[in-house]
């Protein structure tokens, strides 16, 4: 049956040769992706744009699915070997249409990078009534991966990369009420739940898919202040996470800490590119990565309130994000909520 990362069994650094300061240029050096095809959700902006640039620079053809195709084409202008297609991750019909179009091309899919996401949003629901962060960050990518399964198998050595976050420590997946139909909505908790789902999905997908040559990974890109993900934060939120004092003045200590550990986009995208291309990961999967390396297993007790005030986030992977029963249960509930049978 092969190895698996249930309960963090494989969460040990392997000596990647890189570190938190490594860039996409460092990571892609010497790697030839000529003839390879990648799909990068959110590949037209932020870290996704850096990923797209890097993969194409190494010879890959990159398909960028986007809700706003005109904006995506503008952002990707001048980059060779890029194709833009329409996709809305919260719309099942849109996911089906995108996947069917790709499968009809007959191409194998060597890299599926589930990078698109939203963060810390007010409560919003998709057309099915599902909570927005869980729907966009996890369910949409689960549905997409399932529909592209035949193309992944066809590659004879594909990789699926889920961009998670150290914010997964904010919350496990609360299966009894994933869509906040009963409990009070908390934007930080909801984000944590969705990012934990990204990790659990990689754990279970790798276990099931490795027999077909498909490996899966999840990762924390690091603190990148150049992206627009925190645009939904209110004044009260900035106070809650310790960036501002209640009187509105900046928290100088927190600011200094963030400056120490923040990354450029090129550094932030490096771990994703490494996950998608590194020969060192050829015989291992299902692992959570950070700083261009396999992260440590972090069994320590975690206080989500205190964690929100840690600008660096919490290092390593939380036990609940690699727990075997949670990984299996997430797969089942994801099939139920999407109506898509992902039968490997």
C-alpha atoms as a PDB file:
ATOM      1  CA  UNK A   1       0.000   0.000   0.000  1.00  0.00           C
ATOM      2  CA  UNK A   2       3.027   2.327   0.270  1.00  0.00           C
ATOM      3  CA  UNK A   3       3.788   4.865   2.966  1.00  0.00           C
ATOM      4  CA  UNK A   4       1.469   7.525   4.317  1.00  0.00           C
ATOM      5  CA  UNK A   5       1.693  10.584   6.529  1.00  0.00           C
ATOM      6  CA  UNK A   6      -1.095   9.618   8.890  1.00  0.00           C
ATOM      7  CA  UNK A   7      -0.499  11.236  12.281  1.00  0.00           C
ATOM      8  CA  UNK A   8       2.643  12.961  11.019  1.00  0.00           C
ATOM      9  CA  UNK A   9       4.624   9.786  10.417  1.00  0.00           C
ATOM     10  CA  UNK A  10       6.717  11.431   7.683  1.00  0.00           C
ATOM     11  CA  UNK A  11       6.939  14.966   9.099  1.00  0.00           C
ATOM     12  CA  UNK A  12      10.713  15.256   9.363  1.00  0.00           C
ATOM     13  CA  UNK A  13      13.068  17.591   7.462  1.00  0.00           C
ATOM     14  CA  UNK A  14      15.061  15.830   4.744  1.00  0.00           C
ATOM     15  CA  UNK A  15      17.836  18.351   4.116  1.00  0.00           C
ATOM     16  CA  UNK A  16      16.441  20.190   1.100  1.00  0.00           C
ATOM     17  CA  UNK A  17      19.474  22.443   0.760  1.00  0.00           C
ATOM     18  CA  UNK A  18      17.189  25.485   0.862  1.00  0.00           C
ATOM     19  CA  UNK A  19      15.859  27.744   3.615  1.00  0.00           C
ATOM     20  CA  UNK A  20      13.297  30.468   4.345  1.00  0.00           C
ATOM     21  CA  UNK A  21      15.273  33.004   2.281  1.00  0.00           C
ATOM     22  CA  UNK A  22      15.392  30.790  -0.830  1.00  0.00           C
ATOM     23  CA  UNK A  23      13.604  32.131  -3.896  1.00  0.00           C
ATOM     24  CA  UNK A  24      11.807  30.567  -6.834  1.00  0.00           C
ATOM     25  CA  UNK A  25      14.934  31.206  -8.922  1.00  0.00           C
ATOM     26  CA  UNK A  26      17.008  29.162  -6.470  1.00  0.00           C
ATOM     27  CA  UNK A  27      14.522  26.310  -6.370  1.00  0.00           C
ATOM     28  CA  UNK A  28      13.961  25.948 -10.114  1.00  0.00           C
ATOM     29  CA  UNK A  29      17.645  26.044 -11.018  1.00  0.00           C
ATOM     30  CA  UNK A  30      18.634  22.999 -13.072  1.00  0.00           C
ATOM     31  CA  UNK A  31      15.048  21.742 -13.463  1.00  0.00           C
ATOM     32  CA  UNK A  32      13.716  21.273 -16.995  1.00  0.00           C
ATOM     33  CA  UNK A  33       9.920  21.241 -17.358  1.00  0.00           C
ATOM     34  CA  UNK A  34       9.830  21.143 -21.143  1.00  0.00           C
ATOM     35  CA  UNK A  35       6.767  19.190 -22.278  1.00  0.00           C
ATOM     36  CA  UNK A  36       5.117  19.377 -18.826  1.00  0.00           C
ATOM     37  CA  UNK A  37       1.663  20.832 -18.238  1.00  0.00           C
ATOM     38  CA  UNK A  38       0.565  22.595 -15.065  1.00  0.00           C
ATOM     39  CA  UNK A  39      -2.670  24.131 -13.820  1.00  0.00           C
ATOM     40  CA  UNK A  40      -2.246  26.917 -11.249  1.00  0.00           C
ATOM     41  CA  UNK A  41      -5.451  28.244  -9.690  1.00  0.00           C
ATOM     42  CA  UNK A  42      -5.040  31.902  -8.829  1.00  0.00           C
ATOM     43  CA  UNK A  43      -2.022  31.879 -11.122  1.00  0.00           C
ATOM     44  CA  UNK A  44      -2.520  35.441 -12.348  1.00  0.00           C
ATOM     45  CA  UNK A  45      -1.813  37.349  -9.139  1.00  0.00           C
ATOM     46  CA  UNK A  46       0.156  37.375  -5.895  1.00  0.00           C
ATOM     47  CA  UNK A  47       2.136  34.230  -5.214  1.00  0.00           C
ATOM     48  CA  UNK A  48       0.293  32.439  -8.020  1.00  0.00           C
ATOM     49  CA  UNK A  49       1.752  34.811 -10.593  1.00  0.00           C
ATOM     50  CA  UNK A  50       5.275  34.089  -9.320  1.00  0.00           C
ATOM     51  CA  UNK A  51       4.567  30.360  -9.543  1.00  0.00           C
ATOM     52  CA  UNK A  52       3.302  30.729 -13.105  1.00  0.00           C
ATOM     53  CA  UNK A  53       6.343  32.772 -14.151  1.00  0.00           C
ATOM     54  CA  UNK A  54       8.728  30.255 -12.618  1.00  0.00           C
ATOM     55  CA  UNK A  55       7.152  27.149 -14.132  1.00  0.00           C
ATOM     56  CA  UNK A  56       6.950  28.696 -17.598  1.00  0.00           C
ATOM     57  CA  UNK A  57      10.565  29.894 -17.333  1.00  0.00           C
ATOM     58  CA  UNK A  58      11.564  26.235 -16.904  1.00  0.00           C
ATOM     59  CA  UNK A  59       9.637  25.209 -20.016  1.00  0.00           C
ATOM     60  CA  UNK A  60       6.222  24.179 -18.687  1.00  0.00           C
ATOM     61  CA  UNK A  61       2.901  25.108 -20.234  1.00  0.00           C
ATOM     62  CA  UNK A  62       0.711  26.648 -17.526  1.00  0.00           C
ATOM     63  CA  UNK A  63      -3.079  26.878 -17.635  1.00  0.00           C
ATOM     64  CA  UNK A  64      -4.410  29.616 -15.379  1.00  0.00           C
ATOM     65  CA  UNK A  65      -8.110  29.284 -14.484  1.00  0.00           C
ATOM     66  CA  UNK A  66      -9.663  32.590 -13.443  1.00  0.00           C
ATOM     67  CA  UNK A  67     -13.047  34.118 -12.688  1.00  0.00           C
ATOM     68  CA  UNK A  68     -12.073  37.303 -14.530  1.00  0.00           C
ATOM     69  CA  UNK A  69     -10.291  36.116 -17.670  1.00  0.00           C
ATOM     70  CA  UNK A  70      -9.694  39.615 -19.062  1.00  0.00           C
ATOM     71  CA  UNK A  71      -7.948  40.705 -15.870  1.00  0.00           C
ATOM     72  CA  UNK A  72      -5.936  37.470 -15.851  1.00  0.00           C
ATOM     73  CA  UNK A  73      -4.802  37.946 -19.449  1.00  0.00           C
ATOM     74  CA  UNK A  74      -3.692  41.482 -18.617  1.00  0.00           C
ATOM     75  CA  UNK A  75      -1.712  40.305 -15.574  1.00  0.00           C
ATOM     76  CA  UNK A  76      -0.083  37.497 -17.581  1.00  0.00           C
ATOM     77  CA  UNK A  77       0.730  39.598 -20.616  1.00  0.00           C
ATOM     78  CA  UNK A  78       4.214  38.907 -21.972  1.00  0.00           C
ATOM     79  CA  UNK A  79       4.580  35.514 -20.310  1.00  0.00           C
ATOM     80  CA  UNK A  80       5.040  32.708 -22.834  1.00  0.00           C
ATOM     81  CA  UNK A  81       3.343  29.297 -22.669  1.00  0.00           C
ATOM     82  CA  UNK A  82       0.347  30.481 -20.644  1.00  0.00           C
ATOM     83  CA  UNK A  83      -3.312  29.697 -21.338  1.00  0.00           C
ATOM     84  CA  UNK A  84      -6.196  31.400 -19.544  1.00  0.00           C
ATOM     85  CA  UNK A  85      -9.505  29.622 -18.978  1.00  0.00           C
ATOM     86  CA  UNK A  86     -12.620  30.598 -17.033  1.00  0.00           C
ATOM     87  CA  UNK A  87     -13.236  28.977 -13.628  1.00  0.00           C
ATOM     88  CA  UNK A  88     -15.214  29.832 -10.500  1.00  0.00           C
ATOM     89  CA  UNK A  89     -14.220  27.525  -7.640  1.00  0.00           C
ATOM     90  CA  UNK A  90     -17.529  28.065  -5.827  1.00  0.00           C
ATOM     91  CA  UNK A  91     -19.606  27.072  -8.874  1.00  0.00           C
ATOM     92  CA  UNK A  92     -19.800  23.291  -9.493  1.00  0.00           C
ATOM     93  CA  UNK A  93     -20.936  23.740 -13.110  1.00  0.00           C
ATOM     94  CA  UNK A  94     -17.967  26.007 -13.801  1.00  0.00           C
ATOM     95  CA  UNK A  95     -15.548  23.440 -12.325  1.00  0.00           C
ATOM     96  CA  UNK A  96     -17.081  20.652 -14.405  1.00  0.00           C
ATOM     97  CA  UNK A  97     -16.889  22.703 -17.606  1.00  0.00           C
ATOM     98  CA  UNK A  98     -13.248  23.650 -17.025  1.00  0.00           C
ATOM     99  CA  UNK A  99     -12.235  20.064 -16.253  1.00  0.00           C
ATOM    100  CA  UNK A 100     -14.150  18.620 -19.212  1.00  0.00           C
ATOM    101  CA  UNK A 101     -12.478  21.118 -21.523  1.00  0.00           C
ATOM    102  CA  UNK A 102      -9.032  20.140 -20.261  1.00  0.00           C
ATOM    103  CA  UNK A 103      -9.729  16.399 -20.465  1.00  0.00           C
ATOM    104  CA  UNK A 104     -10.988  16.854 -24.023  1.00  0.00           C
ATOM    105  CA  UNK A 105      -7.553  18.189 -24.990  1.00  0.00           C
ATOM    106  CA  UNK A 106      -6.122  14.740 -24.225  1.00  0.00           C
ATOM    107  CA  UNK A 107      -3.159  16.198 -22.374  1.00  0.00           C
ATOM    108  CA  UNK A 108      -1.667  14.652 -19.254  1.00  0.00           C
ATOM    109  CA  UNK A 109      -1.570  16.921 -16.195  1.00  0.00           C
ATOM    110  CA  UNK A 110       1.823  16.872 -14.491  1.00  0.00           C
ATOM    111  CA  UNK A 111       1.237  19.556 -11.854  1.00  0.00           C
ATOM    112  CA  UNK A 112      -2.017  20.726 -10.275  1.00  0.00           C
ATOM    113  CA  UNK A 113      -1.334  23.620  -7.941  1.00  0.00           C
ATOM    114  CA  UNK A 114      -4.368  24.439  -5.819  1.00  0.00           C
ATOM    115  CA  UNK A 115      -3.194  27.932  -4.949  1.00  0.00           C
ATOM    116  CA  UNK A 116      -6.260  30.201  -5.144  1.00  0.00           C
ATOM    117  CA  UNK A 117      -7.873  31.182  -1.891  1.00  0.00           C
ATOM    118  CA  UNK A 118      -9.620  33.771   0.238  1.00  0.00           C
ATOM    119  CA  UNK A 119      -8.711  34.752   3.769  1.00  0.00           C
ATOM    120  CA  UNK A 120     -10.458  36.166   6.824  1.00  0.00           C
ATOM    121  CA  UNK A 121     -13.599  37.178   4.943  1.00  0.00           C
ATOM    122  CA  UNK A 122     -16.920  38.224   6.465  1.00  0.00           C
ATOM    123  CA  UNK A 123     -19.508  35.453   6.352  1.00  0.00           C
ATOM    124  CA  UNK A 124     -20.433  34.717   2.747  1.00  0.00           C
ATOM    125  CA  UNK A 125     -22.046  31.680   1.215  1.00  0.00           C
ATOM    126  CA  UNK A 126     -21.903  30.056  -2.211  1.00  0.00           C
ATOM    127  CA  UNK A 127     -25.023  29.171  -4.215  1.00  0.00           C
ATOM    128  CA  UNK A 128     -25.377  25.936  -2.232  1.00  0.00           C
ATOM    129  CA  UNK A 129     -25.291  27.770   1.089  1.00  0.00           C
ATOM    130  CA  UNK A 130     -21.788  26.582   1.970  1.00  0.00           C
ATOM    131  CA  UNK A 131     -19.487  28.867   3.962  1.00  0.00           C
ATOM    132  CA  UNK A 132     -17.243  30.806   1.578  1.00  0.00           C
ATOM    133  CA  UNK A 133     -13.751  30.093   2.903  1.00  0.00           C
ATOM    134  CA  UNK A 134     -14.362  26.340   3.146  1.00  0.00           C
ATOM    135  CA  UNK A 135     -16.067  26.339  -0.254  1.00  0.00           C
ATOM    136  CA  UNK A 136     -13.353  28.283  -2.095  1.00  0.00           C
ATOM    137  CA  UNK A 137     -10.218  27.058  -0.333  1.00  0.00           C
ATOM    138  CA  UNK A 138     -11.118  23.391   0.008  1.00  0.00           C
ATOM    139  CA  UNK A 139     -14.310  22.122  -1.625  1.00  0.00           C
ATOM    140  CA  UNK A 140     -13.639  23.800  -4.968  1.00  0.00           C
ATOM    141  CA  UNK A 141     -10.153  22.325  -5.131  1.00  0.00           C
ATOM    142  CA  UNK A 142     -11.361  18.890  -4.024  1.00  0.00           C
ATOM    143  CA  UNK A 143     -13.970  18.956  -6.810  1.00  0.00           C
ATOM    144  CA  UNK A 144     -11.416  20.185  -9.370  1.00  0.00           C
ATOM    145  CA  UNK A 145      -8.833  17.558  -8.425  1.00  0.00           C
ATOM    146  CA  UNK A 146     -11.431  14.787  -8.629  1.00  0.00           C
ATOM    147  CA  UNK A 147     -12.568  15.875 -12.068  1.00  0.00           C
ATOM    148  CA  UNK A 148      -8.985  16.078 -13.354  1.00  0.00           C
ATOM    149  CA  UNK A 149      -8.041  12.680 -11.932  1.00  0.00           C
ATOM    150  CA  UNK A 150      -7.777  10.907 -15.291  1.00  0.00           C
ATOM    151  CA  UNK A 151      -5.362  13.557 -16.593  1.00  0.00           C
ATOM    152  CA  UNK A 152      -3.262  13.298 -13.428  1.00  0.00           C
ATOM    153  CA  UNK A 153      -2.993   9.526 -13.789  1.00  0.00           C
ATOM    154  CA  UNK A 154      -2.050   9.942 -17.429  1.00  0.00           C
ATOM    155  CA  UNK A 155       1.063  11.937 -16.479  1.00  0.00           C
ATOM    156  CA  UNK A 156       2.795   8.909 -14.900  1.00  0.00           C
ATOM    157  CA  UNK A 157       4.279  11.046 -12.169  1.00  0.00           C
ATOM    158  CA  UNK A 158       1.948  13.937 -11.320  1.00  0.00           C
ATOM    159  CA  UNK A 159       1.936  16.164  -8.264  1.00  0.00           C
ATOM    160  CA  UNK A 160      -0.940  17.943  -6.536  1.00  0.00           C
ATOM    161  CA  UNK A 161       0.069  20.863  -4.342  1.00  0.00           C
ATOM    162  CA  UNK A 162      -2.360  22.459  -1.871  1.00  0.00           C
ATOM    163  CA  UNK A 163      -1.337  25.902  -0.632  1.00  0.00           C
ATOM    164  CA  UNK A 164      -2.323  25.907   3.040  1.00  0.00           C
ATOM    165  CA  UNK A 165      -1.053  28.190   5.823  1.00  0.00           C
ATOM    166  CA  UNK A 166       0.303  28.190   9.353  1.00  0.00           C
ATOM    167  CA  UNK A 167      -3.175  29.602  10.002  1.00  0.00           C
ATOM    168  CA  UNK A 168      -4.387  25.991   9.934  1.00  0.00           C
ATOM    169  CA  UNK A 169      -3.466  26.004  13.631  1.00  0.00           C
ATOM    170  CA  UNK A 170      -6.470  28.287  14.248  1.00  0.00           C
ATOM    171  CA  UNK A 171      -8.896  25.379  13.977  1.00  0.00           C
ATOM    172  CA  UNK A 172      -9.373  21.711  13.140  1.00  0.00           C
ATOM    173  CA  UNK A 173     -12.167  20.805  10.732  1.00  0.00           C
ATOM    174  CA  UNK A 174     -15.321  20.870  12.864  1.00  0.00           C
ATOM    175  CA  UNK A 175     -17.241  18.203  10.987  1.00  0.00           C
ATOM    176  CA  UNK A 176     -20.501  18.627  12.895  1.00  0.00           C
ATOM    177  CA  UNK A 177     -20.962  22.142  11.483  1.00  0.00           C
ATOM    178  CA  UNK A 178     -18.387  22.921   8.781  1.00  0.00           C
ATOM    179  CA  UNK A 179     -20.658  25.527   7.184  1.00  0.00           C
ATOM    180  CA  UNK A 180     -21.535  27.521  10.296  1.00  0.00           C
ATOM    181  CA  UNK A 181     -25.207  26.703  10.155  1.00  0.00           C
ATOM    182  CA  UNK A 182     -25.367  26.499  13.948  1.00  0.00           C
ATOM    183  CA  UNK A 183     -22.223  27.939  15.520  1.00  0.00           C
ATOM    184  CA  UNK A 184     -21.338  31.636  15.516  1.00  0.00           C
ATOM    185  CA  UNK A 185     -19.175  32.608  12.552  1.00  0.00           C
ATOM    186  CA  UNK A 186     -15.553  33.482  13.297  1.00  0.00           C
ATOM    187  CA  UNK A 187     -13.523  34.531  10.240  1.00  0.00           C
ATOM    188  CA  UNK A 188     -10.198  33.407  11.756  1.00  0.00           C
ATOM    189  CA  UNK A 189     -11.535  30.041  12.832  1.00  0.00           C
ATOM    190  CA  UNK A 190     -13.217  29.515   9.445  1.00  0.00           C
ATOM    191  CA  UNK A 191      -9.943  30.262   7.679  1.00  0.00           C
ATOM    192  CA  UNK A 192      -8.110  27.855   9.975  1.00  0.00           C
ATOM    193  CA  UNK A 193     -10.648  25.122   9.282  1.00  0.00           C
ATOM    194  CA  UNK A 194     -10.289  25.567   5.512  1.00  0.00           C
ATOM    195  CA  UNK A 195      -6.487  25.545   5.680  1.00  0.00           C
ATOM    196  CA  UNK A 196      -6.547  22.426   7.868  1.00  0.00           C
ATOM    197  CA  UNK A 197      -8.735  20.836   5.195  1.00  0.00           C
ATOM    198  CA  UNK A 198      -6.024  21.611   2.615  1.00  0.00           C
ATOM    199  CA  UNK A 199      -3.509  19.647   4.696  1.00  0.00           C
ATOM    200  CA  UNK A 200      -5.831  16.721   5.418  1.00  0.00           C
ATOM    201  CA  UNK A 201      -6.787  16.502   1.743  1.00  0.00           C
ATOM    202  CA  UNK A 202      -3.119  16.185   0.753  1.00  0.00           C
ATOM    203  CA  UNK A 203      -2.550  13.477   3.379  1.00  0.00           C
ATOM    204  CA  UNK A 204      -5.447  11.342   2.166  1.00  0.00           C
ATOM    205  CA  UNK A 205      -4.972  12.017  -1.543  1.00  0.00           C
ATOM    206  CA  UNK A 206      -1.337  10.965  -1.380  1.00  0.00           C
ATOM    207  CA  UNK A 207      -2.208   7.754   0.431  1.00  0.00           C
ATOM    208  CA  UNK A 208      -4.803   6.810  -2.165  1.00  0.00           C
ATOM    209  CA  UNK A 209      -3.114   8.139  -5.308  1.00  0.00           C
ATOM    210  CA  UNK A 210       0.549   7.147  -4.969  1.00  0.00           C
ATOM    211  CA  UNK A 211      -0.098   3.718  -6.495  1.00  0.00           C
ATOM    212  CA  UNK A 212      -0.921   5.604  -9.726  1.00  0.00           C
ATOM    213  CA  UNK A 213       2.206   7.767  -9.549  1.00  0.00           C
ATOM    214  CA  UNK A 214       0.353  10.797  -8.182  1.00  0.00           C
ATOM    215  CA  UNK A 215       1.791  12.469  -5.070  1.00  0.00           C
ATOM    216  CA  UNK A 216       0.255  15.261  -2.998  1.00  0.00           C
ATOM    217  CA  UNK A 217       1.649  17.988  -0.729  1.00  0.00           C
ATOM    218  CA  UNK A 218       0.464  20.920   1.364  1.00  0.00           C
ATOM    219  CA  UNK A 219       2.452  23.904   2.547  1.00  0.00           C
ATOM    220  CA  UNK A 220       2.758  27.206   4.363  1.00  0.00           C
ATOM    221  CA  UNK A 221       4.222  29.870   2.038  1.00  0.00           C
ATOM    222  CA  UNK A 222       5.229  32.246   4.835  1.00  0.00           C
ATOM    223  CA  UNK A 223       4.288  35.799   5.760  1.00  0.00           C
ATOM    224  CA  UNK A 224       4.042  37.842   2.559  1.00  0.00           C
ATOM    225  CA  UNK A 225       2.724  41.359   3.065  1.00  0.00           C
ATOM    226  CA  UNK A 226       2.716  42.156  -0.666  1.00  0.00           C
ATOM    227  CA  UNK A 227      -0.443  40.127  -1.320  1.00  0.00           C
ATOM    228  CA  UNK A 228      -4.012  41.399  -0.932  1.00  0.00           C
ATOM    229  CA  UNK A 229      -5.372  38.536   1.161  1.00  0.00           C
ATOM    230  CA  UNK A 230      -5.953  40.561   4.338  1.00  0.00           C
ATOM    231  CA  UNK A 231      -8.117  43.209   2.641  1.00  0.00           C
ATOM    232  CA  UNK A 232     -11.206  42.199   4.631  1.00  0.00           C
ATOM    233  CA  UNK A 233      -9.698  42.951   8.052  1.00  0.00           C
ATOM    234  CA  UNK A 234     -11.434  45.601  10.158  1.00  0.00           C
ATOM    235  CA  UNK A 235      -9.874  47.889  12.754  1.00  0.00           C
ATOM    236  CA  UNK A 236     -11.096  45.509  15.468  1.00  0.00           C
ATOM    237  CA  UNK A 237      -9.429  42.615  13.664  1.00  0.00           C
ATOM    238  CA  UNK A 238      -6.081  44.407  13.557  1.00  0.00           C
ATOM    239  CA  UNK A 239      -6.394  44.976  17.306  1.00  0.00           C
ATOM    240  CA  UNK A 240      -7.339  41.322  17.843  1.00  0.00           C
ATOM    241  CA  UNK A 241      -4.258  40.065  15.993  1.00  0.00           C
ATOM    242  CA  UNK A 242      -2.017  42.520  17.853  1.00  0.00           C
ATOM    243  CA  UNK A 243      -1.039  44.724  14.903  1.00  0.00           C
ATOM    244  CA  UNK A 244      -2.669  47.788  16.492  1.00  0.00           C
ATOM    245  CA  UNK A 245      -3.265  48.922  20.045  1.00  0.00           C
ATOM    246  CA  UNK A 246      -6.881  49.645  21.057  1.00  0.00           C
ATOM    247  CA  UNK A 247      -6.173  53.380  20.731  1.00  0.00           C
ATOM    248  CA  UNK A 248      -5.233  52.875  17.072  1.00  0.00           C
ATOM    249  CA  UNK A 249      -1.493  53.315  17.434  1.00  0.00           C
ATOM    250  CA  UNK A 250       0.750  50.699  15.779  1.00  0.00           C
ATOM    251  CA  UNK A 251       2.165  47.867  17.859  1.00  0.00           C
ATOM    252  CA  UNK A 252       5.848  48.595  17.262  1.00  0.00           C
ATOM    253  CA  UNK A 253       6.992  45.260  18.718  1.00  0.00           C
ATOM    254  CA  UNK A 254       4.679  43.257  16.452  1.00  0.00           C
ATOM    255  CA  UNK A 255       5.705  45.381  13.473  1.00  0.00           C
ATOM    256  CA  UNK A 256       9.380  44.661  14.170  1.00  0.00           C
ATOM    257  CA  UNK A 257       8.717  40.936  14.466  1.00  0.00           C
ATOM    258  CA  UNK A 258       6.844  40.881  11.164  1.00  0.00           C
ATOM    259  CA  UNK A 259       9.675  42.693   9.397  1.00  0.00           C
ATOM    260  CA  UNK A 260      12.094  40.015  10.618  1.00  0.00           C
ATOM    261  CA  UNK A 261      10.164  37.122   9.168  1.00  0.00           C
ATOM    262  CA  UNK A 262       8.271  38.531   6.195  1.00  0.00           C
ATOM    263  CA  UNK A 263       9.089  37.180   2.738  1.00  0.00           C
ATOM    264  CA  UNK A 264       9.086  38.573  -0.763  1.00  0.00           C
ATOM    265  CA  UNK A 265       6.717  37.018  -3.305  1.00  0.00           C
ATOM    266  CA  UNK A 266       9.664  35.145  -4.825  1.00  0.00           C
ATOM    267  CA  UNK A 267      10.513  33.669  -1.428  1.00  0.00           C
ATOM    268  CA  UNK A 268       6.865  32.988  -0.598  1.00  0.00           C
ATOM    269  CA  UNK A 269       6.283  31.067  -3.834  1.00  0.00           C
ATOM    270  CA  UNK A 270       9.480  29.033  -3.497  1.00  0.00           C
ATOM    271  CA  UNK A 271       7.999  26.286  -1.321  1.00  0.00           C
ATOM    272  CA  UNK A 272       5.149  25.714  -3.772  1.00  0.00           C
ATOM    273  CA  UNK A 273       7.550  25.439  -6.714  1.00  0.00           C
ATOM    274  CA  UNK A 274       9.761  23.063  -4.710  1.00  0.00           C
ATOM    275  CA  UNK A 275       6.741  20.887  -3.886  1.00  0.00           C
ATOM    276  CA  UNK A 276       5.752  20.733  -7.544  1.00  0.00           C
ATOM    277  CA  UNK A 277       9.190  20.030  -9.013  1.00  0.00           C
ATOM    278  CA  UNK A 278      11.855  18.843  -6.578  1.00  0.00           C
ATOM    279  CA  UNK A 279      13.482  15.446  -7.260  1.00  0.00           C
ATOM    280  CA  UNK A 280      14.052  15.152  -3.490  1.00  0.00           C
ATOM    281  CA  UNK A 281      10.306  14.645  -3.019  1.00  0.00           C
ATOM    282  CA  UNK A 282      10.047  11.919  -5.631  1.00  0.00           C
ATOM    283  CA  UNK A 283       9.531   9.118  -3.109  1.00  0.00           C
ATOM    284  CA  UNK A 284       7.667  10.925  -0.357  1.00  0.00           C
ATOM    285  CA  UNK A 285       4.275  12.623  -0.232  1.00  0.00           C
ATOM    286  CA  UNK A 286       1.360  13.617   1.947  1.00  0.00           C
ATOM    287  CA  UNK A 287       3.645  15.948   3.886  1.00  0.00           C
ATOM    288  CA  UNK A 288       3.233  19.559   4.990  1.00  0.00           C
ATOM    289  CA  UNK A 289       6.062  21.858   3.945  1.00  0.00           C
ATOM    290  CA  UNK A 290       7.395  25.242   5.046  1.00  0.00           C
ATOM    291  CA  UNK A 291      10.531  27.237   4.244  1.00  0.00           C
ATOM    292  CA  UNK A 292      11.298  24.938   1.282  1.00  0.00           C
ATOM    293  CA  UNK A 293      11.552  21.884   3.526  1.00  0.00           C
ATOM    294  CA  UNK A 294       9.364  19.230   5.130  1.00  0.00           C
ATOM    295  CA  UNK A 295       8.060  20.820   8.321  1.00  0.00           C
ATOM    296  CA  UNK A 296       8.292  19.342  11.790  1.00  0.00           C
ATOM    297  CA  UNK A 297       5.353  17.700  13.524  1.00  0.00           C
ATOM    298  CA  UNK A 298       4.197  20.097  16.239  1.00  0.00           C
ATOM    299  CA  UNK A 299       2.339  18.226  18.988  1.00  0.00           C
ATOM    300  CA  UNK A 300       2.317  21.177  21.396  1.00  0.00           C
ATOM    301  CA  UNK A 301      -0.891  22.595  22.839  1.00  0.00           C
ATOM    302  CA  UNK A 302      -2.114  25.534  20.807  1.00  0.00           C
ATOM    303  CA  UNK A 303      -4.156  28.492  21.985  1.00  0.00           C
ATOM    304  CA  UNK A 304      -5.906  29.982  18.939  1.00  0.00           C
ATOM    305  CA  UNK A 305      -6.408  33.367  20.612  1.00  0.00           C
ATOM    306  CA  UNK A 306      -2.707  33.698  21.441  1.00  0.00           C
ATOM    307  CA  UNK A 307      -1.790  32.284  18.053  1.00  0.00           C
ATOM    308  CA  UNK A 308      -3.539  35.100  16.234  1.00  0.00           C
ATOM    309  CA  UNK A 309      -1.091  37.478  17.847  1.00  0.00           C
ATOM    310  CA  UNK A 310       1.935  35.537  16.648  1.00  0.00           C
ATOM    311  CA  UNK A 311       3.030  37.323  13.464  1.00  0.00           C
ATOM    312  CA  UNK A 312       5.185  34.396  12.442  1.00  0.00           C
ATOM    313  CA  UNK A 313       2.341  31.942  12.838  1.00  0.00           C
ATOM    314  CA  UNK A 314       3.024  28.619  14.497  1.00  0.00           C
ATOM    315  CA  UNK A 315       5.801  26.472  13.065  1.00  0.00           C
ATOM    316  CA  UNK A 316       5.195  22.910  11.968  1.00  0.00           C
ATOM    317  CA  UNK A 317       2.004  21.000  11.367  1.00  0.00           C
ATOM    318  CA  UNK A 318      -0.739  20.559  13.968  1.00  0.00           C
ATOM    319  CA  UNK A 319      -1.666  16.986  14.949  1.00  0.00           C
ATOM    320  CA  UNK A 320      -5.308  17.504  13.932  1.00  0.00           C
ATOM    321  CA  UNK A 321      -4.210  18.427  10.396  1.00  0.00           C
ATOM    322  CA  UNK A 322      -2.606  15.030   9.733  1.00  0.00           C
ATOM    323  CA  UNK A 323      -4.832  12.803  11.891  1.00  0.00           C
ATOM    324  CA  UNK A 324      -5.835   9.639  10.041  1.00  0.00           C
ATOM    325  CA  UNK A 325      -9.534   9.530  10.931  1.00  0.00           C
ATOM    326  CA  UNK A 326      -9.948  13.243  10.199  1.00  0.00           C
ATOM    327  CA  UNK A 327      -8.331  12.793   6.761  1.00  0.00           C
ATOM    328  CA  UNK A 328     -10.684   9.934   5.914  1.00  0.00           C
ATOM    329  CA  UNK A 329     -13.717  11.742   7.291  1.00  0.00           C
ATOM    330  CA  UNK A 330     -12.902  14.888   5.321  1.00  0.00           C
ATOM    331  CA  UNK A 331     -12.763  12.867   2.102  1.00  0.00           C
ATOM    332  CA  UNK A 332     -16.222  11.441   2.793  1.00  0.00           C
ATOM    333  CA  UNK A 333     -17.832  14.736   3.740  1.00  0.00           C
ATOM    334  CA  UNK A 334     -16.208  16.466   0.745  1.00  0.00           C
ATOM    335  CA  UNK A 335     -17.782  13.904  -1.579  1.00  0.00           C
ATOM    336  CA  UNK A 336     -21.136  14.441   0.122  1.00  0.00           C
ATOM    337  CA  UNK A 337     -21.010  18.244  -0.009  1.00  0.00           C
ATOM    338  CA  UNK A 338     -19.785  18.457  -3.626  1.00  0.00           C
ATOM    339  CA  UNK A 339     -21.833  15.528  -4.899  1.00  0.00           C
ATOM    340  CA  UNK A 340     -18.671  14.271  -6.600  1.00  0.00           C
ATOM    341  CA  UNK A 341     -17.506  10.703  -6.057  1.00  0.00           C
ATOM    342  CA  UNK A 342     -13.702  10.797  -6.020  1.00  0.00           C
ATOM    343  CA  UNK A 343     -13.112   7.097  -6.445  1.00  0.00           C
ATOM    344  CA  UNK A 344      -9.416   6.263  -6.782  1.00  0.00           C
END
